[in-house]
N, C-alpha and C. Protein backbone atom coordinates (compact mmCIF):
# COMPACT_ATOMS: atom_id res chain seq x y z
N MET A 1 0.82 -1.18 -0.01
CA MET A 1 0.01 -0.06 0.08
C MET A 1 0.82 1.19 -0.02
N THR A 2 0.65 2.08 -0.89
CA THR A 2 1.41 3.50 -0.94
C THR A 2 0.79 4.53 -0.10
N SER A 3 1.52 5.45 0.21
CA SER A 3 0.94 6.64 1.02
C SER A 3 -0.22 7.24 0.41
N GLN A 4 -1.36 7.53 1.24
CA GLN A 4 -2.41 8.24 0.58
C GLN A 4 -2.81 9.44 1.62
N THR A 5 -3.31 10.45 0.85
CA THR A 5 -3.83 11.47 1.70
C THR A 5 -5.51 11.25 1.84
N VAL A 6 -5.67 11.68 3.22
CA VAL A 6 -7.17 11.35 3.68
C VAL A 6 -7.43 12.49 4.56
N SER A 7 -8.67 12.86 4.53
CA SER A 7 -9.33 13.82 5.65
C SER A 7 -9.62 13.15 6.97
N LEU A 8 -8.91 13.60 7.88
CA LEU A 8 -9.33 13.16 9.31
C LEU A 8 -10.22 14.09 10.00
N ARG A 9 -11.40 13.62 10.57
CA ARG A 9 -12.22 14.67 11.31
C ARG A 9 -12.34 14.07 12.74
N TYR A 10 -12.22 15.02 13.74
CA TYR A 10 -12.24 14.66 14.98
C TYR A 10 -13.52 15.28 15.78
N PHE A 11 -14.08 14.66 16.57
CA PHE A 11 -15.35 14.96 17.31
C PHE A 11 -15.25 15.08 18.86
N SER A 12 -15.97 15.89 19.39
CA SER A 12 -16.09 15.93 20.82
C SER A 12 -14.74 16.02 21.62
N TRP A 13 -14.53 15.45 22.60
CA TRP A 13 -13.26 15.49 23.43
C TRP A 13 -12.05 15.04 22.56
N VAL A 14 -12.15 14.31 21.64
CA VAL A 14 -11.10 13.89 20.61
C VAL A 14 -10.63 15.15 19.94
N ARG A 15 -11.49 15.85 19.40
CA ARG A 15 -11.26 17.17 18.90
C ARG A 15 -10.52 18.18 19.74
N GLU A 16 -11.04 18.23 20.98
CA GLU A 16 -10.51 19.19 22.03
C GLU A 16 -9.04 18.78 22.41
N ARG A 17 -8.81 17.52 22.36
CA ARG A 17 -7.43 17.07 22.88
C ARG A 17 -6.32 17.28 21.61
N VAL A 18 -6.91 16.93 20.42
CA VAL A 18 -5.91 17.15 19.36
C VAL A 18 -5.73 18.41 18.86
N GLY A 19 -6.73 19.28 19.18
CA GLY A 19 -6.66 20.72 18.81
C GLY A 19 -7.08 21.16 17.53
N VAL A 20 -7.61 20.35 16.70
CA VAL A 20 -8.06 20.70 15.40
C VAL A 20 -9.40 20.01 15.26
N GLU A 21 -10.21 20.41 14.29
CA GLU A 21 -11.44 19.85 13.99
C GLU A 21 -11.29 18.79 12.87
N SER A 22 -10.35 19.14 11.93
CA SER A 22 -10.08 18.19 10.79
C SER A 22 -8.82 18.55 10.20
N GLU A 23 -8.14 17.58 9.45
CA GLU A 23 -6.94 17.79 8.73
C GLU A 23 -6.79 16.77 7.70
N ALA A 24 -6.02 17.24 6.61
CA ALA A 24 -5.77 16.37 5.56
C ALA A 24 -4.20 15.74 6.07
N VAL A 25 -4.28 14.45 6.01
CA VAL A 25 -2.82 13.79 6.30
C VAL A 25 -2.55 12.76 5.33
N ASP A 26 -1.23 12.58 5.11
CA ASP A 26 -0.65 11.47 4.30
C ASP A 26 -0.48 10.23 5.20
N LEU A 27 -1.33 9.41 5.03
CA LEU A 27 -1.13 8.02 5.99
C LEU A 27 0.06 7.28 5.51
N PRO A 28 0.95 6.96 6.53
CA PRO A 28 2.15 6.08 6.18
C PRO A 28 1.65 4.70 5.56
N SER A 29 2.45 4.18 4.66
CA SER A 29 2.16 2.86 4.20
C SER A 29 1.94 1.85 5.09
N SER A 30 2.50 2.06 6.21
CA SER A 30 2.34 0.87 7.56
C SER A 30 0.96 1.01 8.01
N VAL A 31 0.11 2.03 7.86
CA VAL A 31 -1.22 2.09 8.32
C VAL A 31 -2.15 1.35 7.31
N GLU A 32 -2.53 0.17 7.75
CA GLU A 32 -3.31 -0.69 6.94
C GLU A 32 -4.83 -0.88 7.58
N THR A 33 -4.90 -0.74 9.02
CA THR A 33 -6.15 -1.09 9.49
C THR A 33 -6.41 0.16 10.51
N VAL A 34 -7.66 0.16 10.97
CA VAL A 34 -8.01 1.17 11.72
C VAL A 34 -7.16 1.06 13.07
N HIS A 35 -6.89 -0.05 13.47
CA HIS A 35 -6.05 -0.23 14.66
C HIS A 35 -4.61 0.37 14.45
N ASP A 36 -4.03 0.13 13.29
CA ASP A 36 -2.79 0.75 12.89
C ASP A 36 -2.97 2.19 12.89
N LEU A 37 -4.09 2.83 12.48
CA LEU A 37 -4.30 4.29 12.38
C LEU A 37 -4.24 4.83 13.89
N LEU A 38 -5.00 4.17 14.68
CA LEU A 38 -5.11 4.70 15.94
C LEU A 38 -3.72 4.73 16.80
N GLU A 39 -2.94 3.54 16.50
CA GLU A 39 -1.63 3.60 17.07
C GLU A 39 -0.65 4.70 16.49
N TRP A 40 -0.83 4.86 15.15
CA TRP A 40 -0.05 5.94 14.54
C TRP A 40 -0.30 7.23 15.05
N LEU A 41 -1.63 7.46 15.16
CA LEU A 41 -2.06 8.85 15.60
C LEU A 41 -1.49 9.23 17.13
N LYS A 42 -1.36 8.25 17.80
CA LYS A 42 -0.77 8.46 19.31
C LYS A 42 0.56 8.90 19.37
N THR A 43 1.26 8.81 18.21
CA THR A 43 2.64 9.28 18.02
C THR A 43 2.95 10.59 17.52
N ARG A 44 1.87 11.25 17.20
CA ARG A 44 1.84 12.62 16.58
C ARG A 44 2.00 13.80 17.36
N GLY A 45 2.10 13.48 18.80
CA GLY A 45 2.30 14.71 19.61
C GLY A 45 1.50 14.42 20.89
N GLU A 46 1.59 15.55 21.78
CA GLU A 46 1.08 15.15 23.10
C GLU A 46 -0.42 15.26 23.10
N GLY A 47 -1.06 16.16 22.38
CA GLY A 47 -2.56 16.04 22.28
C GLY A 47 -3.13 14.78 21.74
N PHE A 48 -2.54 14.35 20.71
CA PHE A 48 -2.77 13.08 20.07
C PHE A 48 -2.62 11.88 21.10
N ALA A 49 -1.55 11.94 21.78
CA ALA A 49 -1.25 10.86 22.76
C ALA A 49 -2.35 10.82 23.78
N ALA A 50 -2.80 12.00 24.27
CA ALA A 50 -3.95 12.07 25.23
C ALA A 50 -5.18 11.60 24.55
N ALA A 51 -5.54 12.00 23.38
CA ALA A 51 -6.81 11.69 22.89
C ALA A 51 -6.98 10.14 22.45
N PHE A 52 -5.71 9.57 22.08
CA PHE A 52 -5.87 8.10 21.77
C PHE A 52 -5.10 7.16 22.80
N GLU A 53 -5.03 7.67 23.97
CA GLU A 53 -4.38 6.88 25.07
C GLU A 53 -4.96 5.51 25.24
N PHE A 54 -6.35 5.45 25.16
CA PHE A 54 -7.15 4.22 25.31
C PHE A 54 -7.78 4.08 23.94
N PRO A 55 -7.15 3.47 22.91
CA PRO A 55 -7.76 3.51 21.62
C PRO A 55 -8.99 2.65 21.49
N ASP A 56 -9.03 1.60 22.28
CA ASP A 56 -10.32 0.69 22.36
C ASP A 56 -11.57 1.32 22.42
N ILE A 57 -11.75 2.60 23.04
CA ILE A 57 -12.84 3.26 23.15
C ILE A 57 -13.22 4.16 22.01
N ILE A 58 -12.31 4.39 21.23
CA ILE A 58 -12.50 5.27 20.10
C ILE A 58 -13.28 4.62 18.93
N ARG A 59 -14.29 5.33 18.50
CA ARG A 59 -15.16 4.87 17.33
C ARG A 59 -14.76 5.52 16.22
N VAL A 60 -14.76 4.85 15.11
CA VAL A 60 -14.19 5.20 13.77
C VAL A 60 -15.25 4.96 12.76
N ALA A 61 -15.27 5.87 11.73
CA ALA A 61 -16.10 5.78 10.67
C ALA A 61 -15.32 5.99 9.31
N LEU A 62 -15.33 5.21 8.29
CA LEU A 62 -14.80 5.34 7.06
C LEU A 62 -15.74 5.68 6.14
N ASP A 63 -15.67 7.10 5.52
CA ASP A 63 -16.72 7.57 4.63
C ASP A 63 -18.08 7.40 5.23
N GLN A 64 -18.27 7.85 6.49
CA GLN A 64 -19.58 7.83 7.25
C GLN A 64 -20.11 6.45 7.52
N GLU A 65 -19.27 5.47 7.43
CA GLU A 65 -19.71 3.91 7.92
C GLU A 65 -19.01 3.54 8.97
N HIS A 66 -19.59 3.22 10.13
CA HIS A 66 -18.93 2.72 11.33
C HIS A 66 -18.13 1.43 11.06
N VAL A 67 -16.97 1.33 11.39
CA VAL A 67 -16.24 0.04 11.29
C VAL A 67 -15.45 -0.34 12.53
N GLU A 68 -15.18 -1.70 12.56
CA GLU A 68 -14.40 -2.29 13.62
C GLU A 68 -12.81 -1.74 13.50
N HIS A 69 -12.08 -1.92 14.65
CA HIS A 69 -10.73 -1.66 14.58
C HIS A 69 -9.83 -2.60 13.77
N LYS A 70 -10.41 -3.78 13.53
CA LYS A 70 -9.63 -4.72 12.76
C LYS A 70 -9.91 -4.52 11.16
N ALA A 71 -10.76 -3.49 10.87
CA ALA A 71 -11.16 -3.34 9.47
C ALA A 71 -9.98 -2.77 8.66
N THR A 72 -9.81 -3.25 7.48
CA THR A 72 -8.72 -2.50 6.58
C THR A 72 -9.24 -1.21 6.24
N ILE A 73 -8.37 -0.16 6.20
CA ILE A 73 -8.79 1.22 5.93
C ILE A 73 -9.14 1.31 4.24
N GLY A 74 -8.45 0.64 3.50
CA GLY A 74 -8.66 0.93 2.08
C GLY A 74 -8.37 2.30 1.62
N SER A 75 -9.22 2.98 0.76
CA SER A 75 -8.84 4.23 0.50
C SER A 75 -10.08 5.29 0.62
N PRO A 76 -10.55 5.54 1.85
CA PRO A 76 -11.67 6.35 1.96
C PRO A 76 -11.23 7.94 1.84
N ARG A 77 -12.15 8.75 1.60
CA ARG A 77 -11.91 10.11 1.56
C ARG A 77 -11.77 10.79 2.87
N GLU A 78 -12.51 10.24 3.79
CA GLU A 78 -12.69 10.79 5.11
C GLU A 78 -12.79 9.68 6.21
N ILE A 79 -12.04 10.00 7.34
CA ILE A 79 -11.98 9.01 8.46
C ILE A 79 -12.48 9.98 9.58
N ALA A 80 -13.54 9.48 10.26
CA ALA A 80 -14.14 10.27 11.47
C ALA A 80 -13.66 9.56 12.61
N LEU A 81 -13.26 10.23 13.82
CA LEU A 81 -12.74 9.55 14.91
C LEU A 81 -13.43 10.24 16.13
N PHE A 82 -14.17 9.53 16.93
CA PHE A 82 -14.92 10.09 18.11
C PHE A 82 -15.11 9.18 19.24
N PRO A 83 -15.42 9.88 20.42
CA PRO A 83 -15.43 8.93 21.64
C PRO A 83 -16.84 8.10 21.64
N PRO A 84 -16.98 7.35 22.58
CA PRO A 84 -18.22 6.44 22.69
C PRO A 84 -19.35 7.43 22.77
N MET A 85 -20.48 7.01 22.25
CA MET A 85 -21.75 7.76 22.39
C MET A 85 -22.45 7.48 23.64
N THR A 86 -23.04 8.54 24.12
CA THR A 86 -23.89 8.27 25.37
C THR A 86 -25.31 8.99 25.10
N GLY A 87 -26.01 8.86 26.04
CA GLY A 87 -27.46 9.33 26.00
C GLY A 87 -28.39 8.38 25.31
N GLY A 88 -29.65 9.09 25.00
CA GLY A 88 -30.55 8.12 24.41
C GLY A 88 -31.74 8.86 23.85
């Protein structure tokens, strides 16, 4: 897999910790699954490390479709990352 540019969108306290609402990033070729993405994001700085400290609770959507952490990323235009949903 070659490097690809994708739009990352952050929501709720994930956005507050990373300090931006969205950004375009070039994913490293080593990022093949959602799990890989979350592990890579933790290495991008202090705010990212805080936001993704417990990656198992982060929910992820590829082009607005929720996926499991074991899912292959493929080539989406947008990846959304947000904390667990609460309320009813």
